[in-house]
C-alpha atoms as a PDB file:
ATOM      1  CA  MET A   1       0.097  -0.045   0.055  1.00  0.00           C
ATOM      2  CA  LYS A   2       2.912   2.372   0.691  1.00  0.00           C
ATOM      3  CA  GLU A   3       4.184   1.785  -2.904  1.00  0.00           C
ATOM      4  CA  GLN A   4       0.697   2.831  -4.191  1.00  0.00           C
ATOM      5  CA  HIS A   5       0.609   5.755  -1.858  1.00  0.00           C
ATOM      6  CA  THR A   6      -2.489   4.417  -0.302  1.00  0.00           C
ATOM      7  CA  ASP A   7      -3.376   5.368   3.189  1.00  0.00           C
ATOM      8  CA  PRO A   8      -5.620   2.792   4.990  1.00  0.00           C
ATOM      9  CA  SER A   9      -7.722   5.520   6.313  1.00  0.00           C
ATOM     10  CA  ASP A  10      -8.611   6.589   2.743  1.00  0.00           C
ATOM     11  CA  LEU A  11     -10.143   3.124   1.959  1.00  0.00           C
ATOM     12  CA  GLY A  12     -13.937   2.649   1.531  1.00  0.00           C
ATOM     13  CA  LEU A  13     -13.892  -1.152   1.438  1.00  0.00           C
ATOM     14  CA  VAL A  14     -11.411  -3.927   2.064  1.00  0.00           C
ATOM     15  CA  CYS A  15     -11.773  -7.302   0.489  1.00  0.00           C
ATOM     16  CA  LEU A  16      -9.637  -9.816   2.237  1.00  0.00           C
ATOM     17  CA  HIS A  17      -8.851 -13.465   1.876  1.00  0.00           C
ATOM     18  CA  GLN A  18     -10.271 -14.744   5.200  1.00  0.00           C
ATOM     19  CA  PRO A  19      -8.956 -18.043   6.434  1.00  0.00           C
ATOM     20  CA  SER A  20     -10.462 -17.383   9.931  1.00  0.00           C
ATOM     21  CA  VAL A  21     -12.205 -14.638  12.044  1.00  0.00           C
ATOM     22  CA  PRO A  22      -9.084 -14.158  14.397  1.00  0.00           C
ATOM     23  CA  PHE A  23      -6.949 -13.640  11.212  1.00  0.00           C
ATOM     24  CA  VAL A  24      -9.156 -10.826  10.138  1.00  0.00           C
ATOM     25  CA  ARG A  25      -8.882  -9.154  13.500  1.00  0.00           C
ATOM     26  CA  THR A  26      -5.110  -9.505  13.526  1.00  0.00           C
ATOM     27  CA  PHE A  27      -4.867  -8.290   9.991  1.00  0.00           C
ATOM     28  CA  CYS A  28      -6.821  -5.097  10.725  1.00  0.00           C
ATOM     29  CA  GLU A  29      -4.855  -4.308  13.768  1.00  0.00           C
ATOM     30  CA  ARG A  30      -1.479  -4.823  11.971  1.00  0.00           C
ATOM     31  CA  MET A  31      -2.469  -2.908   8.989  1.00  0.00           C
ATOM     32  CA  GLY A  32      -4.241  -0.006  10.745  1.00  0.00           C
ATOM     33  CA  ILE A  33      -7.550  -0.821   8.999  1.00  0.00           C
ATOM     34  CA  GLN A  34     -10.846  -0.285  10.701  1.00  0.00           C
ATOM     35  CA  PRO A  35     -12.626  -3.689  10.967  1.00  0.00           C
ATOM     36  CA  ASP A  36     -15.921  -2.188   9.621  1.00  0.00           C
ATOM     37  CA  MET A  37     -14.197  -1.543   6.221  1.00  0.00           C
ATOM     38  CA  VAL A  38     -13.577  -5.382   5.734  1.00  0.00           C
ATOM     39  CA  VAL A  39     -16.355  -7.195   3.936  1.00  0.00           C
ATOM     40  CA  PRO A  40     -16.986 -10.207   6.228  1.00  0.00           C
ATOM     41  CA  THR A  41     -17.681 -13.534   4.483  1.00  0.00           C
ATOM     42  CA  PHE A  42     -16.025 -16.244   6.745  1.00  0.00           C
ATOM     43  CA  HIS A  43     -19.019 -16.642   9.007  1.00  0.00           C
ATOM     44  CA  ARG A  44     -21.133 -17.562   6.044  1.00  0.00           C
ATOM     45  CA  THR A  45     -18.830 -19.450   3.688  1.00  0.00           C
ATOM     46  CA  GLY A  46     -15.693 -20.377   5.601  1.00  0.00           C
ATOM     47  CA  ASN A  47     -12.316 -20.178   3.858  1.00  0.00           C
ATOM     48  CA  MET A  48     -12.863 -20.009   0.119  1.00  0.00           C
ATOM     49  CA  GLY A  49      -9.339 -18.967  -0.773  1.00  0.00           C
ATOM     50  CA  ALA A  50      -9.068 -16.624  -3.841  1.00  0.00           C
ATOM     51  CA  ALA A  51     -12.843 -16.961  -4.485  1.00  0.00           C
ATOM     52  CA  THR A  52     -13.463 -14.847  -1.355  1.00  0.00           C
ATOM     53  CA  LEU A  53     -12.437 -11.476  -3.167  1.00  0.00           C
ATOM     54  CA  PRO A  54     -15.023 -11.540  -6.058  1.00  0.00           C
ATOM     55  CA  LEU A  55     -17.595 -12.895  -3.603  1.00  0.00           C
ATOM     56  CA  GLN A  56     -17.109  -9.936  -1.399  1.00  0.00           C
ATOM     57  CA  LEU A  57     -17.321  -7.601  -4.287  1.00  0.00           C
ATOM     58  CA  ALA A  58     -20.539  -9.109  -5.424  1.00  0.00           C
ATOM     59  CA  HIS A  59     -21.947  -8.877  -1.945  1.00  0.00           C
ATOM     60  CA  VAL A  60     -21.222  -5.147  -1.409  1.00  0.00           C
ATOM     61  CA  ALA A  61     -22.376  -4.466  -5.037  1.00  0.00           C
ATOM     62  CA  GLY A  62     -25.701  -6.027  -4.128  1.00  0.00           C
ATOM     63  CA  GLN A  63     -25.850  -3.904  -1.016  1.00  0.00           C
ATOM     64  CA  GLY A  64     -25.225  -0.658  -3.068  1.00  0.00           C
ATOM     65  CA  ARG A  65     -21.977  -0.125  -1.188  1.00  0.00           C
ATOM     66  CA  LEU A  66     -19.883   0.188  -4.412  1.00  0.00           C
ATOM     67  CA  ARG A  67     -20.294   3.508  -5.891  1.00  0.00           C
ATOM     68  CA  PRO A  68     -18.211   5.514  -8.381  1.00  0.00           C
ATOM     69  CA  GLY A  69     -15.132   6.733  -6.611  1.00  0.00           C
ATOM     70  CA  THR A  70     -15.223   4.143  -3.709  1.00  0.00           C
ATOM     71  CA  GLN A  71     -11.678   3.204  -2.940  1.00  0.00           C
ATOM     72  CA  VAL A  72     -11.378  -0.557  -2.571  1.00  0.00           C
ATOM     73  CA  VAL A  73      -8.287  -2.597  -1.811  1.00  0.00           C
ATOM     74  CA  LEU A  74      -8.133  -6.417  -2.562  1.00  0.00           C
ATOM     75  CA  PHE A  75      -5.720  -8.401  -0.426  1.00  0.00           C
ATOM     76  CA  GLY A  76      -5.083 -11.997  -1.625  1.00  0.00           C
ATOM     77  CA  MET A  77      -2.872 -14.493   0.049  1.00  0.00           C
ATOM     78  CA  ALA A  78      -1.293 -17.948  -0.881  1.00  0.00           C
ATOM     79  CA  SER A  79      -0.715 -20.398   1.896  1.00  0.00           C
ATOM     80  CA  GLY A  80       0.624 -17.515   4.227  1.00  0.00           C
ATOM     81  CA  ALA A  81       3.939 -17.516   2.262  1.00  0.00           C
ATOM     82  CA  SER A  82       3.019 -14.764  -0.298  1.00  0.00           C
ATOM     83  CA  GLY A  83       0.339 -12.208  -1.040  1.00  0.00           C
ATOM     84  CA  GLY A  84      -0.876  -9.669  -3.495  1.00  0.00           C
ATOM     85  CA  VAL A  85      -2.569  -6.184  -2.970  1.00  0.00           C
ATOM     86  CA  MET A  86      -4.710  -4.511  -5.597  1.00  0.00           C
ATOM     87  CA  PRO A  87      -5.977  -0.997  -4.915  1.00  0.00           C
ATOM     88  CA  ILE A  88      -9.084  -0.056  -7.038  1.00  0.00           C
ATOM     89  CA  SER A  89     -10.799   3.204  -7.410  1.00  0.00           C
ATOM     90  CA  TRP A  90     -14.383   1.932  -8.338  1.00  0.00           C
END
């Protein structure tokens, strides 16, 4: 996020691979992200790996939470050894 000059406080939504509920809390604490910005899915679907990110986007689109200009960041992880971050201006 630093390389993209993205401040966590500027984000509208955070789509995050969610292997567990405690992981999401720890991630938010370490990244300085407000938990209410994360689109929760684990409690309904469990760990869906990479499919979690488009599922979260579809969920918030259905709620009307994705509007032009919304700053979204997608955090994907692979076996805890690597990860990717994609900031999007919706």
